[in-house]
Amino acid sequence: MRESTPERIARLKTFPNMMDALLERGSITDEFRLAALERFRRADGTPKLRQSGDGRWSEGAFHRLSDGGTLGIFRDVTEFMRNELALKEARANAERQHETVRAMFDNMTDGLVLAEEDGSWTLVTKALYRTNGWPEDVRSNSTSVEDVRGLLESGYLERRMPTIEEDIVRIRARFIDADGTPIDFQRPNGNRVEVRWIALPDNRRLGMYRDITALKLQEERLALERDAAETARAEAEAANQAKSTFLAAMSHEIRTPMNGVPGMMELLERTDLSTEQQRHVGIMRDSAQSLLRIIDDILDFSKIEAGRMDLETLPFSLHGLIAGTVDTFTPQARQKSLALFADPPGSGPDWLDGDPTRVRQILFNLIGNALKFTERGFVRVSAVSVAEGNAAPVTLTVEDSGIGIDATQQARLFQPFSQADTSTTRRFGGTGLGLSIVRRLAELMGGTATVESTQGRGSRFIVTLRFGLAAASAPEPVAVAAPRIAPGTDRPRLLVAGDHPVNREVIQQQLGILGLSADLAADG
């Protein structure tokens, strides 16, 4: 039967013998045996821990007795050591986590400070001092909200009150309120800092400090750029307005001499010219008319831009105006083999109060464009009027079977100096102002101008206008024929008043062609 350990120890009688036996069994090393024998010899009661090969821990100590003997006390402390090691590992993990959180806080852009109810700082990050421009000694010497006195005295915090005590009260009040309202400060070192205090549970406070220096510089730069852009825009608008005002004021000065050019050409065509001369004069007349239309568009647009387009209020027949306009364009439509026609009058009011000249200008632009951009087919004009009390809304529609306009081109069609595409001016001519003038005139008359179109299938331009109802007794204008002058009777003499000598001469000669004599005057 195998001998037990206690039995073996009892048989060995002495501690040295026992150590020798354990060494023989390989349970201890010779180094441990020598150290144990030394402790046994001293017997000073010092405890010693030992972990066996199977992982268990024991604690032993030798005590000298009064009779000269030695008492050895040994106990199993395995559970205690396991708990101790687990606690040590937990503390190490907590320390590592703390260091990780500290490193994370210290590398944040924003500065943070966690303060207890009494104002003492539990957590302060490096960014707090970096953001405020404070040196490290401030960090080590400041541990609470009350330490701001040193910051105020040293100039690291800006003074806002007459005394430091009042500044401390001000800062303390902001800490106590902690309503999260951001406050913008400029530190003595030039940094712009946004500070906010937030209330936390248990009456603690979290202070957040953000360096907004770069943000403020960016805002100031953008504000300067915005002001410069606004100034440039205002100057450009002022220059444009000055241009429009100038052209509007010069309208009479420009149109008057230009009117003399086609007038004199008309007179020249009635003289005895060769075939080639007639051709040259015809080309000059057509070119002058084209130039005059361009000048008219530019001057009218400038008048509208300058706010100097005044509308008249006269009674006129809507359908009579449309019929006259269509008649004017009929020869041009025949030259292109196009059908130009107006729908029959509807049941709505016909006699209206408004500006017939500007309505005619709208129709001239729309019908002229339709004929220009239609190679085959038709151009149709219609008008619908409705009585609404004393007012009469009118819808004018000009429809064609022309080239049409895609959606992208429609978006810019009514913009000044704009046409459907860049090749339009080269192919068809024009200023690109006609439709812009149409829309502006429509708006002046309380309406709008829109377009519906499909590329390759034609367009429909719709203009709404608002007029008054003319009195039912408004007289319809009667065409007055030129008086017939019997041979041998005295011819009547007319008075022609005009401020431009060329135009006076043109009128005088045109009247002469009709067999009338005229006296000329520079004004009425």
Protein backbone atom coordinates (compact mmCIF):
# COMPACT_ATOMS: atom_id res chain seq x y z
CA MET A 1 0.00 0.00 0.00
CA ARG A 2 1.34 3.41 -1.00
CA GLU A 3 2.46 5.63 1.85
CA SER A 4 0.50 8.92 2.25
CA THR A 5 2.21 12.31 2.43
CA PRO A 6 1.35 12.91 6.13
CA GLU A 7 2.59 9.45 7.01
CA ARG A 8 5.81 10.07 5.06
CA ILE A 9 6.35 13.43 6.79
CA ALA A 10 5.73 11.83 10.21
CA ARG A 11 8.24 9.10 9.42
CA LEU A 12 10.89 11.58 8.27
CA LYS A 13 10.66 13.30 11.71
CA THR A 14 12.58 16.52 10.75
CA PHE A 15 11.90 19.47 8.35
CA PRO A 16 15.28 19.16 6.62
CA ASN A 17 14.57 15.47 5.96
CA MET A 18 11.19 16.41 4.53
CA MET A 19 12.77 19.00 2.16
CA ASP A 20 15.28 16.37 1.02
CA ALA A 21 12.48 13.94 0.30
CA LEU A 22 10.48 16.55 -1.68
CA LEU A 23 13.58 17.40 -3.69
CA GLU A 24 14.08 13.68 -4.47
CA ARG A 25 10.49 13.46 -5.70
CA GLY A 26 10.95 16.53 -7.90
CA SER A 27 8.24 18.48 -6.08
CA ILE A 28 10.61 21.39 -5.36
CA THR A 29 13.83 22.75 -6.72
CA ASP A 30 17.10 22.82 -4.83
CA GLU A 31 16.87 26.63 -4.78
CA PHE A 32 13.47 26.42 -3.06
CA ARG A 33 14.78 23.81 -0.60
CA LEU A 34 17.70 26.05 0.42
CA ALA A 35 15.40 29.10 0.79
CA ALA A 36 12.94 27.06 2.92
CA LEU A 37 15.72 25.76 5.17
CA GLU A 38 16.94 29.38 5.61
CA ARG A 39 13.43 30.54 6.63
CA PHE A 40 13.18 27.55 8.98
CA ARG A 41 16.49 28.49 10.58
CA ARG A 42 15.45 32.14 11.04
CA ALA A 43 11.86 31.32 12.08
CA ASP A 44 10.94 35.06 12.14
CA GLY A 45 7.26 34.52 11.21
CA THR A 46 7.59 36.06 7.71
CA PRO A 47 4.91 34.52 5.45
CA LYS A 48 5.96 33.17 2.07
CA LEU A 49 3.77 32.35 -0.92
CA ARG A 50 4.38 29.36 -3.14
CA GLN A 51 2.58 28.05 -6.22
CA SER A 52 2.76 24.30 -6.77
CA GLY A 53 3.01 22.58 -10.12
CA ASP A 54 -0.74 21.95 -10.19
CA GLY A 55 -1.39 25.69 -9.93
CA ARG A 56 -2.44 25.84 -6.28
CA TRP A 57 -1.10 28.48 -3.89
CA SER A 58 0.05 28.02 -0.31
CA GLU A 59 1.31 30.42 2.32
CA GLY A 60 3.79 29.26 4.97
CA ALA A 61 5.61 30.86 7.93
CA PHE A 62 7.95 29.58 10.69
CA HIS A 63 7.65 30.87 14.27
CA ARG A 64 10.21 30.35 17.10
CA LEU A 65 8.61 28.93 20.21
CA SER A 66 9.58 29.75 23.80
CA ASP A 67 10.88 26.25 24.43
CA GLY A 68 13.32 26.56 21.53
CA GLY A 69 11.16 24.58 19.10
CA THR A 70 9.95 25.82 15.69
CA LEU A 71 6.28 25.97 14.61
CA GLY A 72 5.49 25.86 10.91
CA ILE A 73 2.07 27.11 9.80
CA PHE A 74 0.91 26.42 6.24
CA ARG A 75 -2.44 27.23 4.61
CA ASP A 76 -4.04 26.90 1.14
CA VAL A 77 -4.65 30.43 -0.29
CA THR A 78 -5.50 29.39 -3.83
CA GLU A 79 -8.98 31.07 -3.91
CA PHE A 80 -7.64 34.21 -2.30
CA MET A 81 -4.83 34.49 -4.86
CA ARG A 82 -7.18 33.86 -7.73
CA ASN A 83 -9.46 36.66 -6.53
CA GLU A 84 -6.46 38.92 -6.00
CA LEU A 85 -5.13 38.26 -9.51
CA ALA A 86 -8.59 38.82 -11.04
CA LEU A 87 -8.89 42.13 -9.18
CA LYS A 88 -5.42 43.15 -10.33
CA GLU A 89 -6.30 42.30 -13.94
CA ALA A 90 -9.54 44.29 -13.66
CA ARG A 91 -7.61 47.27 -12.30
CA ALA A 92 -5.12 46.97 -15.16
CA ASN A 93 -7.95 46.83 -17.70
CA ALA A 94 -9.65 49.81 -16.12
CA GLU A 95 -6.39 51.72 -16.22
CA ARG A 96 -5.90 50.85 -19.88
CA GLN A 97 -9.46 51.98 -20.65
CA HIS A 98 -8.88 55.15 -18.70
CA GLU A 99 -5.73 55.85 -20.67
CA THR A 100 -7.59 55.15 -23.93
CA VAL A 101 -10.40 57.53 -22.99
CA ARG A 102 -7.85 60.10 -21.84
CA ALA A 103 -5.95 59.80 -25.14
CA MET A 104 -9.21 60.12 -27.04
CA PHE A 105 -10.24 63.22 -25.11
CA ASP A 106 -6.79 64.78 -25.39
CA ASN A 107 -6.83 64.35 -29.16
CA MET A 108 -10.26 65.89 -29.63
CA THR A 109 -10.46 69.18 -31.46
CA ASP A 110 -12.90 70.60 -28.92
CA GLY A 111 -11.82 71.20 -25.35
CA LEU A 112 -13.87 69.54 -22.59
CA VAL A 113 -14.11 70.11 -18.85
CA LEU A 114 -16.29 68.02 -16.50
CA ALA A 115 -17.05 69.86 -13.27
CA GLU A 116 -18.73 68.69 -10.07
CA GLU A 117 -21.42 70.63 -8.26
CA ASP A 118 -18.82 72.50 -6.19
CA GLY A 119 -16.97 73.58 -9.36
CA SER A 120 -14.02 71.21 -9.05
CA TRP A 121 -12.77 69.82 -12.36
CA THR A 122 -13.06 66.02 -12.61
CA LEU A 123 -11.91 65.86 -16.22
CA VAL A 124 -9.95 68.42 -18.23
CA THR A 125 -8.67 67.75 -21.75
CA LYS A 126 -5.55 69.15 -23.35
CA ALA A 127 -7.65 70.70 -26.13
CA LEU A 128 -9.23 73.01 -23.52
CA TYR A 129 -5.88 74.73 -22.98
CA ARG A 130 -4.82 74.47 -26.61
CA THR A 131 -8.09 76.08 -27.76
CA ASN A 132 -7.84 78.90 -25.23
CA GLY A 133 -4.12 79.44 -25.77
CA TRP A 134 -3.25 78.61 -22.15
CA PRO A 135 0.20 77.17 -21.19
CA GLU A 136 0.67 73.84 -19.38
CA ASP A 137 1.30 75.45 -15.96
CA VAL A 138 -2.22 76.85 -16.11
CA ARG A 139 -3.44 73.31 -16.66
CA SER A 140 -1.64 72.00 -13.56
CA ASN A 141 -2.51 74.97 -11.33
CA SER A 142 -6.23 75.26 -12.26
CA THR A 143 -8.46 72.57 -10.80
CA SER A 144 -11.84 74.30 -10.45
CA VAL A 145 -14.08 77.04 -11.75
CA GLU A 146 -12.90 79.25 -8.92
CA ASP A 147 -9.33 79.19 -10.32
CA VAL A 148 -10.32 81.59 -13.08
CA ARG A 149 -9.00 84.41 -10.87
CA GLY A 150 -5.45 83.49 -11.86
CA LEU A 151 -6.46 83.31 -15.53
CA LEU A 152 -8.03 86.77 -15.32
CA GLU A 153 -5.07 88.25 -13.46
CA SER A 154 -2.53 86.77 -15.88
CA GLY A 155 -4.45 87.95 -18.93
CA TYR A 156 -5.31 84.46 -20.21
CA LEU A 157 -9.02 85.28 -19.85
CA GLU A 158 -10.47 88.48 -21.26
CA ARG A 159 -11.77 91.00 -18.74
CA ARG A 160 -15.35 92.17 -19.28
CA MET A 161 -16.30 93.73 -15.94
CA PRO A 162 -14.76 96.65 -13.99
CA THR A 163 -13.35 94.31 -11.31
CA ILE A 164 -12.00 90.76 -11.26
CA GLU A 165 -14.56 89.84 -8.58
CA GLU A 166 -17.39 90.87 -10.91
CA ASP A 167 -15.83 88.87 -13.73
CA ILE A 168 -15.66 85.81 -11.44
CA VAL A 169 -19.36 86.26 -10.58
CA ARG A 170 -20.15 86.55 -14.30
CA ILE A 171 -18.25 83.36 -15.19
CA ARG A 172 -19.67 81.50 -12.18
CA ALA A 173 -23.23 82.48 -13.21
CA ARG A 174 -22.68 81.11 -16.71
CA PHE A 175 -21.40 77.87 -15.14
CA ILE A 176 -24.43 77.60 -12.82
CA ASP A 177 -27.03 78.40 -15.52
CA ALA A 178 -25.52 75.85 -17.96
CA ASP A 179 -28.39 76.25 -20.46
CA GLY A 180 -26.28 75.21 -23.47
CA THR A 181 -26.33 78.67 -25.08
CA PRO A 182 -23.14 79.14 -27.13
CA ILE A 183 -21.18 82.33 -26.37
CA ASP A 184 -18.52 83.64 -28.71
CA PHE A 185 -15.32 85.07 -27.19
CA GLN A 186 -12.10 86.43 -28.58
CA ARG A 187 -9.20 85.35 -26.37
CA PRO A 188 -6.29 87.73 -25.69
CA ASN A 189 -4.11 85.65 -28.06
CA GLY A 190 -6.53 86.37 -30.92
CA ASN A 191 -8.31 83.00 -30.93
CA ARG A 192 -12.08 83.04 -31.40
CA VAL A 193 -13.63 80.51 -29.02
CA GLU A 194 -17.22 79.30 -28.72
CA VAL A 195 -18.09 78.24 -25.15
CA ARG A 196 -21.16 76.44 -23.90
CA TRP A 197 -21.97 74.83 -20.53
CA ILE A 198 -24.47 71.96 -20.34
CA ALA A 199 -26.17 70.71 -17.17
CA LEU A 200 -25.69 66.96 -16.44
CA PRO A 201 -27.34 64.66 -13.87
CA ASP A 202 -26.17 64.91 -10.25
CA ASN A 203 -25.71 68.69 -10.67
CA ARG A 204 -22.53 68.25 -12.69
CA ARG A 205 -21.64 70.47 -15.65
CA LEU A 206 -19.97 69.79 -18.98
CA GLY A 207 -18.10 72.70 -20.55
CA MET A 208 -17.30 72.58 -24.29
CA TYR A 209 -14.77 74.93 -25.87
CA ARG A 210 -14.46 75.09 -29.66
CA ASP A 211 -11.87 77.03 -31.65
CA ILE A 212 -13.89 78.88 -34.30
CA THR A 213 -11.07 81.19 -35.44
CA ALA A 214 -10.85 79.65 -38.93
CA LEU A 215 -14.65 79.55 -39.21
CA LYS A 216 -14.96 83.24 -38.32
CA LEU A 217 -12.20 84.19 -40.74
CA GLN A 218 -14.01 82.21 -43.44
CA GLU A 219 -17.31 83.91 -42.59
CA GLU A 220 -15.65 87.33 -42.72
CA ARG A 221 -14.03 86.48 -46.06
CA LEU A 222 -17.33 85.27 -47.48
CA ALA A 223 -19.07 88.38 -46.15
CA LEU A 224 -16.48 90.58 -47.86
CA GLU A 225 -16.86 88.60 -51.09
CA ARG A 226 -20.65 88.81 -50.81
CA ASP A 227 -20.48 92.57 -50.22
CA ALA A 228 -18.11 92.95 -53.17
CA ALA A 229 -20.40 90.85 -55.37
CA GLU A 230 -23.42 92.85 -54.22
CA THR A 231 -21.59 96.09 -54.93
CA ALA A 232 -20.59 94.83 -58.37
CA ARG A 233 -24.16 93.70 -59.04
CA ALA A 234 -25.56 97.06 -57.93
CA GLU A 235 -23.03 98.87 -60.09
CA ALA A 236 -23.87 96.65 -63.06
CA GLU A 237 -27.59 97.24 -62.53
CA ALA A 238 -26.98 100.95 -62.19
CA ALA A 239 -24.94 100.93 -65.40
CA ASN A 240 -27.64 98.92 -67.16
CA GLN A 241 -30.31 101.27 -65.86
CA ALA A 242 -28.26 104.27 -66.99
CA LYS A 243 -27.91 102.67 -70.42
CA SER A 244 -31.62 101.97 -70.62
CA THR A 245 -32.48 105.47 -69.42
CA PHE A 246 -30.09 106.97 -71.96
CA LEU A 247 -31.51 104.93 -74.83
CA ALA A 248 -35.07 105.67 -73.73
CA ALA A 249 -34.26 109.40 -73.62
CA MET A 250 -32.58 109.16 -77.02
CA SER A 251 -35.48 107.27 -78.59
CA HIS A 252 -36.83 110.32 -80.40
CA GLU A 253 -33.35 111.49 -81.41
CA ILE A 254 -32.56 108.10 -82.96
CA ARG A 255 -35.90 107.28 -84.57
CA THR A 256 -36.49 110.69 -86.15
CA PRO A 257 -33.47 110.74 -88.50
CA MET A 258 -33.88 107.02 -89.23
CA ASN A 259 -37.45 107.59 -90.42
CA GLY A 260 -36.11 109.98 -93.02
CA VAL A 261 -34.03 107.24 -94.67
CA PRO A 262 -36.87 104.98 -95.93
CA GLY A 263 -38.97 108.07 -96.65
CA MET A 264 -36.36 109.54 -98.98
CA MET A 265 -35.86 106.10 -100.59
CA GLU A 266 -39.57 105.89 -101.29
CA LEU A 267 -39.40 109.29 -102.99
CA LEU A 268 -36.29 108.26 -104.87
CA GLU A 269 -38.07 105.15 -106.20
CA ARG A 270 -40.71 107.41 -107.77
CA THR A 271 -38.12 109.24 -109.86
CA ASP A 272 -36.89 108.21 -113.27
CA LEU A 273 -34.41 105.44 -112.43
CA SER A 274 -32.82 102.70 -114.47
CA THR A 275 -33.64 99.08 -113.70
CA GLU A 276 -30.35 98.61 -111.90
CA GLN A 277 -30.87 101.79 -109.88
CA GLN A 278 -34.37 100.65 -108.94
CA ARG A 279 -32.88 97.36 -107.71
CA HIS A 280 -30.23 99.17 -105.67
CA VAL A 281 -32.76 101.48 -104.08
CA GLY A 282 -35.02 98.52 -103.27
CA ILE A 283 -32.17 96.76 -101.48
CA MET A 284 -31.35 99.94 -99.59
CA ARG A 285 -35.00 100.35 -98.60
CA ASP A 286 -35.30 96.75 -97.34
CA SER A 287 -32.02 97.05 -95.41
CA ALA A 288 -33.15 100.35 -93.90
CA GLN A 289 -36.46 98.81 -92.84
CA SER A 290 -34.63 95.87 -91.21
CA LEU A 291 -32.31 98.28 -89.40
CA LEU A 292 -35.27 100.38 -88.31
CA ARG A 293 -37.02 97.31 -86.86
CA ILE A 294 -33.88 96.42 -84.90
CA ILE A 295 -33.58 99.98 -83.60
CA ASP A 296 -37.27 99.98 -82.67
CA ASP A 297 -36.84 96.75 -80.68
CA ILE A 298 -33.78 98.03 -78.82
CA LEU A 299 -35.38 101.39 -78.01
CA ASP A 300 -38.68 99.85 -76.89
CA PHE A 301 -36.87 97.33 -74.69
CA SER A 302 -34.77 100.13 -73.20
CA LYS A 303 -37.90 102.14 -72.46
CA ILE A 304 -39.42 99.16 -70.65
CA GLU A 305 -36.19 98.51 -68.70
CA ALA A 306 -35.99 102.16 -67.68
CA GLY A 307 -39.64 102.16 -66.58
CA ARG A 308 -40.49 104.80 -69.16
CA MET A 309 -42.94 102.80 -71.26
CA ASP A 310 -46.24 104.62 -70.76
CA LEU A 311 -49.45 102.94 -71.87
CA GLU A 312 -52.37 104.85 -73.35
CA THR A 313 -56.03 104.14 -72.65
CA LEU A 314 -58.09 104.47 -75.81
CA PRO A 315 -61.21 102.68 -77.09
CA PHE A 316 -60.43 100.22 -79.86
CA SER A 317 -61.98 97.27 -81.66
CA LEU A 318 -60.10 94.09 -80.83
CA HIS A 319 -61.13 92.21 -83.95
CA GLY A 320 -60.66 95.25 -86.16
CA LEU A 321 -57.11 95.57 -84.85
CA ILE A 322 -56.44 91.88 -85.51
CA ALA A 323 -57.90 92.05 -89.03
CA GLY A 324 -55.78 95.08 -89.88
CA THR A 325 -52.61 93.41 -88.58
CA VAL A 326 -53.31 90.22 -90.54
CA ASP A 327 -53.91 92.29 -93.70
CA THR A 328 -50.53 93.95 -93.22
CA PHE A 329 -48.74 90.59 -93.16
CA THR A 330 -50.79 88.95 -95.94
CA PRO A 331 -48.37 89.93 -98.78
CA GLN A 332 -45.42 88.50 -96.81
CA ALA A 333 -47.35 85.26 -96.20
CA ARG A 334 -48.20 84.99 -99.91
CA GLN A 335 -44.53 85.35 -100.83
CA LYS A 336 -43.80 82.22 -98.74
CA SER A 337 -47.00 80.41 -99.90
CA LEU A 338 -48.28 80.30 -96.33
CA ALA A 339 -51.93 80.45 -95.20
CA LEU A 340 -52.30 83.40 -92.80
CA PHE A 341 -55.76 83.82 -91.30
CA ALA A 342 -57.64 84.99 -88.20
CA ASP A 343 -60.45 83.04 -86.52
CA PRO A 344 -63.92 84.62 -86.71
CA PRO A 345 -64.81 86.93 -83.81
CA GLY A 346 -66.32 85.22 -80.79
CA SER A 347 -69.22 86.30 -78.62
CA GLY A 348 -67.10 88.24 -76.13
CA PRO A 349 -66.79 92.04 -75.94
CA ASP A 350 -65.05 93.64 -78.91
CA TRP A 351 -64.74 97.30 -77.91
CA LEU A 352 -62.12 97.65 -75.20
CA ASP A 353 -60.22 100.40 -73.36
CA GLY A 354 -56.45 99.99 -73.65
CA ASP A 355 -53.39 100.76 -75.72
CA PRO A 356 -54.05 99.52 -79.27
CA THR A 357 -50.55 100.51 -80.42
CA ARG A 358 -48.92 98.14 -77.93
CA VAL A 359 -51.42 95.35 -78.64
CA ARG A 360 -50.61 95.76 -82.32
CA GLN A 361 -46.88 95.61 -81.43
CA ILE A 362 -47.44 92.29 -79.63
CA LEU A 363 -49.25 90.86 -82.64
CA PHE A 364 -46.62 92.20 -85.05
CA ASN A 365 -43.87 90.43 -83.10
CA LEU A 366 -45.76 87.14 -82.79
CA ILE A 367 -47.05 87.00 -86.38
CA GLY A 368 -43.70 88.20 -87.76
CA ASN A 369 -41.90 85.44 -85.84
CA ALA A 370 -44.41 82.82 -86.93
CA LEU A 371 -43.96 83.75 -90.61
CA LYS A 372 -40.19 83.87 -90.21
CA PHE A 373 -39.90 80.38 -88.69
CA THR A 374 -42.55 78.63 -90.82
CA GLU A 375 -41.50 77.21 -94.18
CA ARG A 376 -44.82 75.57 -95.13
CA GLY A 377 -48.33 75.33 -93.76
CA PHE A 378 -50.18 78.04 -91.87
CA VAL A 379 -50.16 80.83 -89.29
CA ARG A 380 -53.38 81.21 -87.33
CA VAL A 381 -54.44 84.12 -85.10
CA SER A 382 -57.29 83.98 -82.60
CA ALA A 383 -58.64 86.12 -79.76
CA VAL A 384 -61.01 85.33 -76.91
CA SER A 385 -62.42 88.09 -74.69
CA VAL A 386 -64.60 87.78 -71.59
CA ALA A 387 -66.53 90.42 -69.68
CA GLU A 388 -65.81 90.45 -65.93
CA GLY A 389 -67.59 93.44 -64.43
CA ASN A 390 -65.88 96.51 -65.84
CA ALA A 391 -62.85 94.48 -66.96
CA ALA A 392 -62.26 92.33 -70.03
CA PRO A 393 -59.53 89.66 -69.92
CA VAL A 394 -58.31 88.82 -73.42
CA THR A 395 -56.35 85.80 -74.64
CA LEU A 396 -54.43 86.21 -77.90
CA THR A 397 -53.10 83.08 -79.60
CA VAL A 398 -50.74 82.87 -82.56
CA GLU A 399 -50.22 79.31 -83.81
CA ASP A 400 -47.97 78.09 -86.62
CA SER A 401 -46.81 74.88 -88.28
CA GLY A 402 -43.15 75.92 -88.22
CA ILE A 403 -39.90 74.48 -86.93
CA GLY A 404 -41.00 74.26 -83.28
CA ILE A 405 -38.94 74.67 -80.12
CA ASP A 406 -37.66 72.04 -77.68
CA ALA A 407 -38.14 72.28 -73.90
CA THR A 408 -34.59 73.53 -73.18
CA GLN A 409 -34.92 76.34 -75.73
CA GLN A 410 -38.38 77.28 -74.44
CA ALA A 411 -36.92 77.96 -70.98
CA ARG A 412 -34.84 80.89 -72.27
CA LEU A 413 -37.09 82.01 -75.12
CA PHE A 414 -38.50 85.10 -73.39
CA GLN A 415 -35.10 86.22 -72.04
CA PRO A 416 -33.65 89.43 -73.53
CA PHE A 417 -31.24 89.01 -76.46
CA SER A 418 -32.06 85.28 -76.58
CA GLN A 419 -33.23 83.10 -79.44
CA ALA A 420 -33.95 79.39 -79.69
CA ASP A 421 -30.33 78.53 -80.58
CA THR A 422 -27.15 80.31 -81.61
CA SER A 423 -27.72 79.60 -85.31
CA THR A 424 -31.08 81.38 -85.36
CA THR A 425 -29.61 84.86 -85.64
CA ARG A 426 -27.34 83.83 -88.51
CA ARG A 427 -30.16 82.03 -90.33
CA PHE A 428 -33.16 84.29 -89.73
CA GLY A 429 -31.73 87.54 -88.31
CA GLY A 430 -33.30 89.61 -85.55
CA THR A 431 -32.25 90.98 -82.18
CA GLY A 432 -33.73 88.31 -79.92
CA LEU A 433 -35.70 91.07 -78.17
CA GLY A 434 -39.10 90.58 -79.79
CA LEU A 435 -40.49 87.93 -77.43
CA SER A 436 -38.94 89.64 -74.42
CA ILE A 437 -40.78 92.81 -75.40
CA VAL A 438 -43.99 90.79 -75.87
CA ARG A 439 -43.75 89.40 -72.33
CA ARG A 440 -42.85 92.79 -70.80
CA LEU A 441 -45.75 94.51 -72.59
CA ALA A 442 -48.10 91.72 -71.53
CA GLU A 443 -47.01 92.15 -67.91
CA LEU A 444 -47.52 95.93 -68.17
CA MET A 445 -51.08 95.16 -69.31
CA GLY A 446 -51.72 92.80 -66.37
CA GLY A 447 -51.09 89.54 -68.22
CA THR A 448 -48.53 86.93 -69.22
CA ALA A 449 -46.90 85.42 -72.29
CA THR A 450 -46.26 81.67 -72.62
CA VAL A 451 -45.41 79.16 -75.30
CA GLU A 452 -46.44 75.59 -76.14
CA SER A 453 -44.32 73.89 -78.76
CA THR A 454 -43.07 70.60 -80.12
CA GLN A 455 -39.89 70.60 -82.15
CA GLY A 456 -40.66 70.01 -85.83
CA ARG A 457 -44.43 70.35 -85.34
CA GLY A 458 -45.00 74.05 -84.74
CA SER A 459 -45.60 76.43 -81.85
CA ARG A 460 -48.46 78.17 -80.09
CA PHE A 461 -47.80 81.51 -78.35
CA ILE A 462 -50.44 82.54 -75.83
CA VAL A 463 -50.68 86.08 -74.46
CA THR A 464 -53.18 87.12 -71.79
CA LEU A 465 -54.02 90.80 -71.38
CA ARG A 466 -56.44 92.74 -69.22
CA PHE A 467 -58.44 95.73 -70.53
CA GLY A 468 -61.38 97.85 -69.52
CA LEU A 469 -64.70 97.68 -71.28
CA ALA A 470 -65.19 100.59 -73.66
CA ALA A 471 -68.49 102.47 -73.63
CA ALA A 472 -71.11 100.80 -75.81
CA SER A 473 -71.46 104.02 -77.80
CA ALA A 474 -67.78 104.25 -78.70
CA PRO A 475 -67.70 105.40 -82.31
CA GLU A 476 -66.11 103.11 -84.82
CA PRO A 477 -63.40 104.96 -86.73
CA VAL A 478 -64.36 105.79 -90.30
CA ALA A 479 -61.72 105.79 -93.00
CA VAL A 480 -61.52 109.24 -94.56
CA ALA A 481 -60.71 109.23 -98.25
CA ALA A 482 -58.38 111.82 -99.71
CA PRO A 483 -60.42 114.73 -101.09
CA ARG A 484 -61.02 114.64 -104.81
CA ILE A 485 -59.85 117.84 -106.40
CA ALA A 486 -61.60 118.78 -109.59
CA PRO A 487 -59.40 120.03 -112.39
CA GLY A 488 -58.99 123.78 -112.42
CA THR A 489 -60.12 124.25 -108.78
CA ASP A 490 -57.95 125.73 -106.08
CA ARG A 491 -55.93 123.10 -104.23
CA PRO A 492 -56.10 123.23 -100.37
CA ARG A 493 -52.91 124.10 -98.57
CA LEU A 494 -51.75 122.12 -95.52
CA LEU A 495 -49.48 123.02 -92.60
CA VAL A 496 -46.76 120.47 -91.74
CA ALA A 497 -45.11 120.95 -88.32
CA GLY A 498 -42.07 118.86 -87.39
CA ASP A 499 -38.82 119.41 -85.54
CA HIS A 500 -36.65 117.55 -88.08
CA PRO A 501 -36.03 119.23 -91.46
CA VAL A 502 -35.51 115.98 -93.38
CA ASN A 503 -38.80 114.56 -92.17
CA ARG A 504 -40.58 117.82 -93.03
CA GLU A 505 -39.19 117.62 -96.54
CA VAL A 506 -40.18 113.95 -96.90
CA ILE A 507 -43.77 114.70 -95.87
CA GLN A 508 -43.94 117.75 -98.13
CA GLN A 509 -42.84 115.72 -101.15
CA GLN A 510 -45.15 112.81 -100.32
CA LEU A 511 -48.05 115.26 -100.15
CA GLY A 512 -46.90 116.71 -103.44
CA ILE A 513 -47.22 113.24 -105.02
CA LEU A 514 -50.85 113.29 -103.83
CA GLY A 515 -51.31 116.72 -105.43
CA LEU A 516 -51.36 118.68 -102.18
CA SER A 517 -49.36 121.74 -101.21
CA ALA A 518 -47.97 122.28 -97.72
CA ASP A 519 -46.39 125.00 -95.67
CA LEU A 520 -43.64 123.86 -93.28
CA ALA A 521 -43.04 124.87 -89.65
CA ALA A 522 -40.45 123.72 -87.08
CA ASP A 523 -43.13 123.37 -84.35
CA GLY A 524 -46.81 123.84 -83.77
